[in-house]
Amino acid sequence: MQKRETFLPMSRPDITEIEIREVVDVLKSGWITSGPKTAEFEREFARRCDAPCAIAVSSATAGLQILFHALGLGPEDEVITPSMTFASTVNQIALCGAKPVFVDCAYGTLNLQVAQVADRMTSRTRAILAVHFAGLPCDLDPLRELARKRGVVLIEDAAHALGSRYKGRPIGSGPNPALFSFHPIKNITTGEGGMITLHDPDLDRRLRLLRFHGIERDAWRRYGKGGDPGYDVHEPGFKFNLTDLQSALGLGQLRRLEEMNQRRRSIALQYEEMLRGVGGIDLPENPGYAVHHSWHLFVVKVSAMDREAFMCGLAEWNIGYGLHFPPCHLLSYVRKAWGTCRGNLPDTERAGDRIVSLPLFPTMTDADVRYVAAVVCDILKGVH
């Protein structure tokens, strides 16, 4: 096998001339911050997710922050969350003064173990945060029923899951809030950005105020023809709006979502076929309920050798990789603040020591996929 001359990254955004022209049109329009394109992006996103409300924000993290603020989370409150997630999730729980209560993940799927959630709930539990890991939906029905019975809010961290479906329904269509990310490695990108979908019109109005300084009317309506530039503020808000420049890119990307996700699924199926039965590596598992996977990531677990040596082997062959994610309960500040330690979540820790994300993005060629799979097999051949 010949070593490739160019580096194959773990991820790369797929942006075409169509999206570039849409962004240029906004630049030429004279209105580049939040305006009509952002409103259009929200409408199209809501339609795609079969949700009545969609709120564009500067990032999924910003969306989680204003959602926690709107829910009034603070000291003495607890939020159930998996540890196998990006640090942003736990950071926002900590920053509002609440306590993260961690549940273990399933080693095969990396999604939270639903059966543990009820056992970890107390009288202080205010919310359950369900992460759709790598685009694979959590088992939402039992979580929704548990949240209903206990009177807590279920929040879907759908940062990875745009285009995923749970039992035939789009992620984001459920009665609870869901948060999506448009970071450059995600299934669509706006450079940076995010979206909240929800069904509660009162919460929708509150989040829109919190998104932009507490001002009720959008700037483009205040400063447009015949608009009234005056405003009042009844509650202080943040500065978490998405611009029309970003929304123009997002609209173009959203129109190509199925095309890009189909390519992601094709790559994932090729990986599964080429790596099935290879000793020393554990592949993603099927959850056992009806899902449509958007394949944001293809995460394997290296079981036959030191992970650092495995990653060095990939780098030697000009292949990029990722670690999604270091378990949050083992982060230094989390251990110090809440006394978490190794041994608390055995499946999360076993997975966390082994996970490696292989390259996966729509513009990868079949030859790229075969190359990565062949290198993985070659690295493992010498140790297993």
Protein backbone atom coordinates (compact mmCIF):
# COMPACT_ATOMS: atom_id res chain seq x y z
CA MET A 1 0.00 0.00 0.00
CA GLN A 2 1.38 3.39 -1.00
CA LYS A 3 1.27 6.24 1.50
CA ARG A 4 -0.93 9.14 0.37
CA GLU A 5 0.88 12.41 -0.25
CA THR A 6 -1.80 14.74 1.10
CA PHE A 7 -3.29 14.78 4.60
CA LEU A 8 -6.83 13.40 4.96
CA PRO A 9 -8.54 15.37 7.76
CA MET A 10 -11.06 13.89 10.15
CA SER A 11 -13.65 16.36 8.89
CA ARG A 12 -14.04 19.08 6.27
CA PRO A 13 -17.08 21.27 5.49
CA ASP A 14 -18.77 20.67 2.14
CA ILE A 15 -19.46 24.16 0.74
CA THR A 16 -20.36 24.60 -2.93
CA GLU A 17 -20.46 27.61 -5.24
CA ILE A 18 -24.22 27.77 -4.64
CA GLU A 19 -23.75 28.59 -0.95
CA ILE A 20 -20.90 30.97 -1.74
CA ARG A 21 -23.13 32.94 -4.14
CA GLU A 22 -25.87 33.16 -1.50
CA VAL A 23 -23.40 34.63 1.00
CA VAL A 24 -22.11 37.08 -1.62
CA ASP A 25 -25.68 38.18 -2.34
CA VAL A 26 -26.14 39.02 1.35
CA LEU A 27 -22.86 40.96 1.36
CA LYS A 28 -24.14 43.00 -1.58
CA SER A 29 -27.56 43.54 0.00
CA GLY A 30 -26.33 46.02 2.59
CA TRP A 31 -27.85 44.04 5.49
CA ILE A 32 -25.47 41.45 6.90
CA THR A 33 -26.44 40.99 10.57
CA SER A 34 -29.63 39.26 11.79
CA GLY A 35 -32.45 39.99 9.37
CA PRO A 36 -34.71 38.46 6.74
CA LYS A 37 -32.29 35.64 5.86
CA THR A 38 -32.13 34.54 9.48
CA ALA A 39 -35.92 34.59 9.71
CA GLU A 40 -36.10 32.49 6.53
CA PHE A 41 -33.50 30.08 7.89
CA GLU A 42 -35.56 29.64 11.06
CA ARG A 43 -38.73 28.92 9.06
CA GLU A 44 -37.02 26.40 6.78
CA PHE A 45 -35.30 24.70 9.70
CA ALA A 46 -38.57 24.40 11.64
CA ARG A 47 -40.23 22.90 8.56
CA ARG A 48 -37.38 20.42 8.09
CA CYS A 49 -37.60 19.30 11.73
CA ASP A 50 -41.42 19.35 11.78
CA ALA A 51 -41.34 21.78 14.71
CA PRO A 52 -43.55 24.88 15.15
CA CYS A 53 -40.70 27.05 16.49
CA ALA A 54 -37.01 27.38 15.62
CA ILE A 55 -34.70 30.01 17.09
CA ALA A 56 -31.32 30.74 15.47
CA VAL A 57 -28.48 31.43 17.89
CA SER A 58 -24.74 32.06 17.70
CA SER A 59 -23.95 28.50 18.85
CA ALA A 60 -25.62 25.47 20.39
CA THR A 61 -23.76 26.38 23.59
CA ALA A 62 -25.38 29.83 23.56
CA GLY A 63 -28.74 28.16 23.02
CA LEU A 64 -28.22 25.92 26.04
CA GLN A 65 -27.19 28.91 28.14
CA ILE A 66 -30.33 30.94 27.41
CA LEU A 67 -32.51 27.84 27.77
CA PHE A 68 -31.10 27.14 31.24
CA HIS A 69 -31.57 30.83 32.07
CA ALA A 70 -35.19 30.78 30.90
CA LEU A 71 -35.86 27.66 32.97
CA GLY A 72 -34.43 29.40 36.03
CA LEU A 73 -31.80 26.76 36.77
CA GLY A 74 -29.50 27.69 39.62
CA PRO A 75 -27.90 26.57 42.87
CA GLU A 76 -29.53 23.54 44.51
CA ASP A 77 -30.76 22.32 41.11
CA GLU A 78 -29.51 19.14 39.41
CA VAL A 79 -29.35 18.18 35.74
CA ILE A 80 -29.06 14.54 34.64
CA THR A 81 -26.50 14.24 31.85
CA PRO A 82 -24.25 11.65 30.27
CA SER A 83 -20.54 12.10 30.88
CA MET A 84 -19.83 11.01 27.30
CA THR A 85 -20.45 14.42 25.73
CA PHE A 86 -18.59 17.61 24.83
CA ALA A 87 -17.47 19.71 27.80
CA SER A 88 -19.79 22.55 26.74
CA THR A 89 -22.76 20.58 28.07
CA VAL A 90 -21.39 20.34 31.60
CA ASN A 91 -19.88 23.84 31.46
CA GLN A 92 -23.32 25.38 31.01
CA ILE A 93 -24.74 23.37 33.92
CA ALA A 94 -21.87 24.57 36.10
CA LEU A 95 -22.07 28.19 34.95
CA CYS A 96 -25.72 28.53 35.96
CA GLY A 97 -24.81 27.18 39.41
CA ALA A 98 -26.51 23.80 39.05
CA LYS A 99 -24.97 20.36 39.61
CA PRO A 100 -24.41 17.80 36.85
CA VAL A 101 -25.50 14.29 37.83
CA PHE A 102 -23.85 11.80 35.51
CA VAL A 103 -25.25 8.60 34.03
CA ASP A 104 -23.19 5.92 32.31
CA CYS A 105 -23.28 5.34 28.57
CA ALA A 106 -23.80 2.10 26.71
CA TYR A 107 -20.39 0.96 25.49
CA GLY A 108 -21.71 -0.10 22.08
CA THR A 109 -23.73 2.99 21.14
CA LEU A 110 -22.13 5.64 23.43
CA ASN A 111 -25.63 6.94 24.23
CA LEU A 112 -26.79 7.27 27.82
CA GLN A 113 -28.15 4.22 29.63
CA VAL A 114 -31.82 5.13 29.97
CA ALA A 115 -32.36 2.67 32.83
CA GLN A 116 -29.94 4.62 35.04
CA VAL A 117 -31.71 7.96 34.71
CA ALA A 118 -34.55 7.28 37.16
CA ASP A 119 -32.09 5.96 39.75
CA ARG A 120 -30.05 9.18 39.62
CA MET A 121 -33.01 11.53 40.00
CA THR A 122 -33.70 13.32 43.29
CA SER A 123 -36.09 16.00 44.52
CA ARG A 124 -33.59 18.55 43.14
CA THR A 125 -33.62 17.23 39.57
CA ARG A 126 -34.87 19.93 37.19
CA ALA A 127 -33.87 18.61 33.78
CA ILE A 128 -32.70 15.56 31.85
CA LEU A 129 -30.20 16.29 29.07
CA ALA A 130 -30.21 13.55 26.43
CA VAL A 131 -27.29 13.61 23.97
CA HIS A 132 -27.82 11.99 20.55
CA PHE A 133 -24.24 10.80 20.29
CA ALA A 134 -22.62 10.93 16.83
CA GLY A 135 -26.10 11.38 15.31
CA LEU A 136 -27.62 8.20 16.81
CA PRO A 137 -30.88 9.10 18.59
CA CYS A 138 -31.31 8.17 22.25
CA ASP A 139 -34.33 6.09 23.20
CA LEU A 140 -36.63 9.07 23.71
CA ASP A 141 -39.98 7.48 24.58
CA PRO A 142 -39.00 6.25 28.07
CA LEU A 143 -37.13 9.50 28.76
CA ARG A 144 -40.18 11.58 27.80
CA GLU A 145 -42.44 9.46 29.98
CA LEU A 146 -40.03 9.71 32.92
CA ALA A 147 -39.75 13.49 32.52
CA ARG A 148 -43.54 13.79 32.40
CA LYS A 149 -44.05 11.68 35.52
CA ARG A 150 -41.37 13.51 37.51
CA GLY A 151 -42.31 16.98 36.31
CA VAL A 152 -38.89 17.81 34.88
CA VAL A 153 -37.79 19.15 31.49
CA LEU A 154 -36.30 16.84 28.90
CA ILE A 155 -33.76 18.63 26.68
CA GLU A 156 -32.31 16.99 23.58
CA ASP A 157 -28.69 17.79 22.78
CA ALA A 158 -29.07 17.26 19.04
CA ALA A 159 -25.79 18.95 18.10
CA HIS A 160 -24.84 15.79 16.15
CA ALA A 161 -28.28 14.78 14.97
CA LEU A 162 -29.62 17.02 12.22
CA GLY A 163 -31.40 14.71 9.79
CA SER A 164 -31.65 11.84 12.26
CA ARG A 165 -35.02 10.21 12.96
CA TYR A 166 -36.41 8.39 15.98
CA LYS A 167 -39.19 5.92 15.21
CA GLY A 168 -39.88 7.71 11.94
CA ARG A 169 -40.00 11.23 13.38
CA PRO A 170 -37.30 13.90 12.80
CA ILE A 171 -35.13 14.77 15.77
CA GLY A 172 -36.38 18.20 16.82
CA SER A 173 -40.05 17.34 16.24
CA GLY A 174 -40.72 16.22 19.81
CA PRO A 175 -42.58 18.27 22.42
CA ASN A 176 -39.38 19.12 24.30
CA PRO A 177 -36.61 21.60 23.36
CA ALA A 178 -33.79 20.35 21.11
CA LEU A 179 -30.50 22.09 20.33
CA PHE A 180 -28.54 21.80 17.07
CA SER A 181 -25.01 22.90 16.20
CA PHE A 182 -23.64 24.35 12.94
CA HIS A 183 -19.93 24.19 13.82
CA PRO A 184 -17.74 23.49 10.74
CA ILE A 185 -17.48 19.76 11.48
CA LYS A 186 -21.25 19.30 11.82
CA ASN A 187 -23.62 17.90 9.17
CA ILE A 188 -24.39 21.45 8.01
CA THR A 189 -22.41 24.53 8.92
CA THR A 190 -22.86 28.28 9.23
CA GLY A 191 -19.22 28.73 10.30
CA GLU A 192 -20.45 28.91 13.88
CA GLY A 193 -24.07 28.85 14.96
CA GLY A 194 -26.93 26.83 16.33
CA MET A 195 -30.70 26.40 16.47
CA ILE A 196 -33.27 25.61 19.16
CA THR A 197 -36.48 23.83 18.17
CA LEU A 198 -39.46 23.76 20.53
CA HIS A 199 -43.26 23.64 20.75
CA ASP A 200 -43.93 26.11 23.58
CA PRO A 201 -44.83 29.57 22.18
CA ASP A 202 -44.28 31.26 25.55
CA LEU A 203 -40.80 29.78 25.88
CA ASP A 204 -40.15 30.74 22.25
CA ARG A 205 -40.94 34.40 22.99
CA ARG A 206 -38.78 34.38 26.13
CA LEU A 207 -35.79 32.84 24.35
CA ARG A 208 -36.04 35.37 21.52
CA LEU A 209 -35.83 38.18 24.07
CA LEU A 210 -32.89 36.56 25.85
CA ARG A 211 -31.11 35.99 22.52
CA PHE A 212 -30.75 39.72 21.80
CA HIS A 213 -30.44 42.05 24.80
CA GLY A 214 -34.07 41.60 25.86
CA ILE A 215 -35.24 43.76 22.92
CA GLU A 216 -38.55 42.58 21.53
CA ARG A 217 -38.27 43.63 17.88
CA ASP A 218 -35.47 42.53 15.55
CA ALA A 219 -33.10 45.28 14.42
CA TRP A 220 -33.98 44.83 10.76
CA ARG A 221 -37.64 45.50 11.56
CA ARG A 222 -36.76 48.56 13.66
CA TYR A 223 -34.44 50.10 11.08
CA GLY A 224 -36.27 49.03 7.91
CA LYS A 225 -38.60 51.21 5.89
CA GLY A 226 -41.24 52.71 8.15
CA GLY A 227 -39.81 51.00 11.23
CA ASP A 228 -39.75 52.52 14.70
CA PRO A 229 -36.14 52.46 16.00
CA GLY A 230 -37.27 52.90 19.59
CA TYR A 231 -37.28 49.98 22.00
CA ASP A 232 -37.77 48.98 25.63
CA VAL A 233 -36.18 46.21 27.70
CA HIS A 234 -38.18 44.42 30.39
CA GLU A 235 -35.50 41.80 31.09
CA PRO A 236 -31.74 41.91 30.41
CA GLY A 237 -30.65 39.58 27.65
CA PHE A 238 -27.55 38.25 25.94
CA LYS A 239 -25.95 38.83 22.52
CA PHE A 240 -26.42 35.40 20.90
CA ASN A 241 -28.02 36.23 17.53
CA LEU A 242 -27.10 34.59 14.22
CA THR A 243 -26.25 36.86 11.28
CA ASP A 244 -27.74 36.91 7.80
CA LEU A 245 -24.29 36.08 6.41
CA GLN A 246 -24.32 32.87 8.41
CA SER A 247 -27.97 32.16 7.69
CA ALA A 248 -27.43 32.46 3.93
CA LEU A 249 -24.78 29.75 4.21
CA GLY A 250 -27.09 27.73 6.46
CA LEU A 251 -29.98 27.89 4.01
CA GLY A 252 -27.82 26.59 1.19
CA GLN A 253 -26.47 23.83 3.40
CA LEU A 254 -29.94 22.90 4.65
CA ARG A 255 -31.16 22.40 1.07
CA ARG A 256 -28.34 19.87 0.58
CA LEU A 257 -28.76 18.11 3.93
CA GLU A 258 -30.19 14.86 2.60
CA GLU A 259 -27.54 14.67 -0.12
CA MET A 260 -24.72 15.19 2.40
CA ASN A 261 -26.21 12.86 5.01
CA GLN A 262 -26.71 10.15 2.42
CA ARG A 263 -23.03 10.35 1.57
CA ARG A 264 -22.18 10.14 5.27
CA ARG A 265 -24.29 7.00 5.58
CA SER A 266 -22.59 5.49 2.54
CA ILE A 267 -19.16 6.09 4.08
CA ALA A 268 -20.24 4.64 7.44
CA LEU A 269 -21.62 1.51 5.75
CA GLN A 270 -18.37 1.06 3.86
CA TYR A 271 -16.39 1.35 7.08
CA GLU A 272 -18.67 -1.19 8.74
CA GLU A 273 -18.28 -3.62 5.87
CA MET A 274 -14.50 -3.28 5.61
CA LEU A 275 -13.81 -3.36 9.36
CA ARG A 276 -16.40 -5.96 10.44
CA GLY A 277 -14.64 -8.90 12.03
CA VAL A 278 -11.28 -7.14 12.29
CA GLY A 279 -9.72 -8.09 15.61
CA GLY A 280 -8.77 -5.41 18.10
CA ILE A 281 -11.37 -2.81 17.18
CA ASP A 282 -15.02 -2.39 18.28
CA LEU A 283 -17.45 -0.81 15.81
CA PRO A 284 -20.57 1.29 16.56
CA GLU A 285 -23.55 -0.88 17.51
CA ASN A 286 -27.23 -0.73 16.56
CA PRO A 287 -29.42 0.48 19.46
CA GLY A 288 -32.22 -2.05 18.97
CA TYR A 289 -35.04 0.43 18.26
CA ALA A 290 -36.08 2.18 15.04
CA VAL A 291 -33.70 5.00 14.10
CA HIS A 292 -32.38 6.79 11.05
CA HIS A 293 -28.74 7.70 11.78
CA SER A 294 -27.22 10.93 10.41
CA TRP A 295 -23.63 9.70 10.99
CA HIS A 296 -22.05 12.89 12.23
CA LEU A 297 -19.13 10.77 13.46
CA PHE A 298 -17.80 7.25 12.96
CA VAL A 299 -16.31 6.34 16.34
CA VAL A 300 -14.43 3.08 16.88
CA LYS A 301 -12.98 1.70 20.09
CA VAL A 302 -9.38 0.42 19.95
CA SER A 303 -9.17 -2.60 22.23
CA ALA A 304 -6.02 -4.46 21.15
CA MET A 305 -3.31 -1.84 21.54
CA ASP A 306 -2.40 1.46 23.11
CA ARG A 307 -4.63 4.16 21.63
CA GLU A 308 -1.78 6.66 21.37
CA ALA A 309 0.19 4.19 19.27
CA PHE A 310 -2.86 3.61 17.09
CA MET A 311 -3.32 7.35 16.50
CA CYS A 312 0.38 7.76 15.77
CA GLY A 313 -0.03 5.04 13.17
CA LEU A 314 -2.87 6.95 11.51
CA ALA A 315 -0.83 10.16 11.52
CA GLU A 316 2.15 8.34 9.97
CA TRP A 317 -0.11 7.44 7.03
CA ASN A 318 -1.43 11.03 6.71
CA ILE A 319 -4.82 10.30 8.26
CA GLY A 320 -6.55 12.65 10.70
CA TYR A 321 -8.60 11.51 13.69
CA GLY A 322 -10.52 12.85 16.68
CA LEU A 323 -11.37 12.03 20.29
CA HIS A 324 -15.11 12.43 20.93
CA PHE A 325 -15.00 12.85 23.88
CA PRO A 326 -12.90 12.77 27.05
CA PRO A 327 -15.47 11.79 29.73
CA CYS A 328 -16.72 14.92 31.45
CA HIS A 329 -16.79 13.42 34.94
CA LEU A 330 -12.99 13.06 34.73
CA LEU A 331 -12.31 16.68 33.76
CA SER A 332 -10.19 18.44 36.40
CA TYR A 333 -12.66 21.12 37.47
CA VAL A 334 -15.54 18.62 37.58
CA ARG A 335 -13.57 16.26 39.82
CA LYS A 336 -12.66 19.15 42.10
CA ALA A 337 -16.16 20.65 42.25
CA TRP A 338 -18.24 17.48 42.67
CA GLY A 339 -15.82 14.74 43.75
CA THR A 340 -16.27 12.54 40.70
CA CYS A 341 -13.54 10.01 40.00
CA ARG A 342 -12.54 7.05 37.90
CA GLY A 343 -14.70 4.06 38.76
CA ASN A 344 -17.97 6.03 38.87
CA LEU A 345 -19.02 5.21 35.28
CA PRO A 346 -17.32 1.99 34.13
CA ASP A 347 -18.73 1.79 30.58
CA THR A 348 -18.05 5.46 29.91
CA GLU A 349 -14.50 5.09 31.17
CA ARG A 350 -13.86 1.92 29.17
CA ALA A 351 -15.14 3.64 26.04
CA GLY A 352 -13.35 6.89 26.87
CA ASP A 353 -10.00 5.11 27.00
CA ARG A 354 -10.53 3.54 23.56
CA ILE A 355 -12.52 5.91 21.33
CA VAL A 356 -11.09 7.26 18.09
CA SER A 357 -13.12 9.10 15.43
CA LEU A 358 -12.14 8.13 11.89
CA PRO A 359 -12.41 10.56 8.95
CA LEU A 360 -16.01 11.11 7.85
CA PHE A 361 -17.22 13.96 5.64
CA PRO A 362 -19.29 14.15 2.44
CA THR A 363 -16.47 14.94 0.01
CA MET A 364 -14.44 11.88 1.01
CA THR A 365 -14.05 9.51 -1.93
CA ASP A 366 -14.58 5.77 -1.81
CA ALA A 367 -10.82 5.47 -2.37
CA ASP A 368 -10.27 7.58 0.77
CA VAL A 369 -12.52 5.24 2.77
CA ARG A 370 -10.73 2.14 1.48
CA TYR A 371 -7.38 3.74 2.32
CA VAL A 372 -8.39 4.49 5.92
CA ALA A 373 -9.83 1.01 6.42
CA ALA A 374 -6.70 -0.62 4.96
CA VAL A 375 -4.43 1.44 7.23
CA VAL A 376 -6.53 0.56 10.30
CA CYS A 377 -6.26 -3.14 9.43
CA ASP A 378 -2.52 -2.82 8.84
CA ILE A 379 -1.92 -1.06 12.18
CA LEU A 380 -3.90 -3.70 14.07
CA LYS A 381 -2.40 -6.65 12.18
CA GLY A 382 0.89 -6.45 14.02
CA VAL A 383 -0.65 -6.57 17.50
CA HIS A 384 -3.63 -8.91 17.18
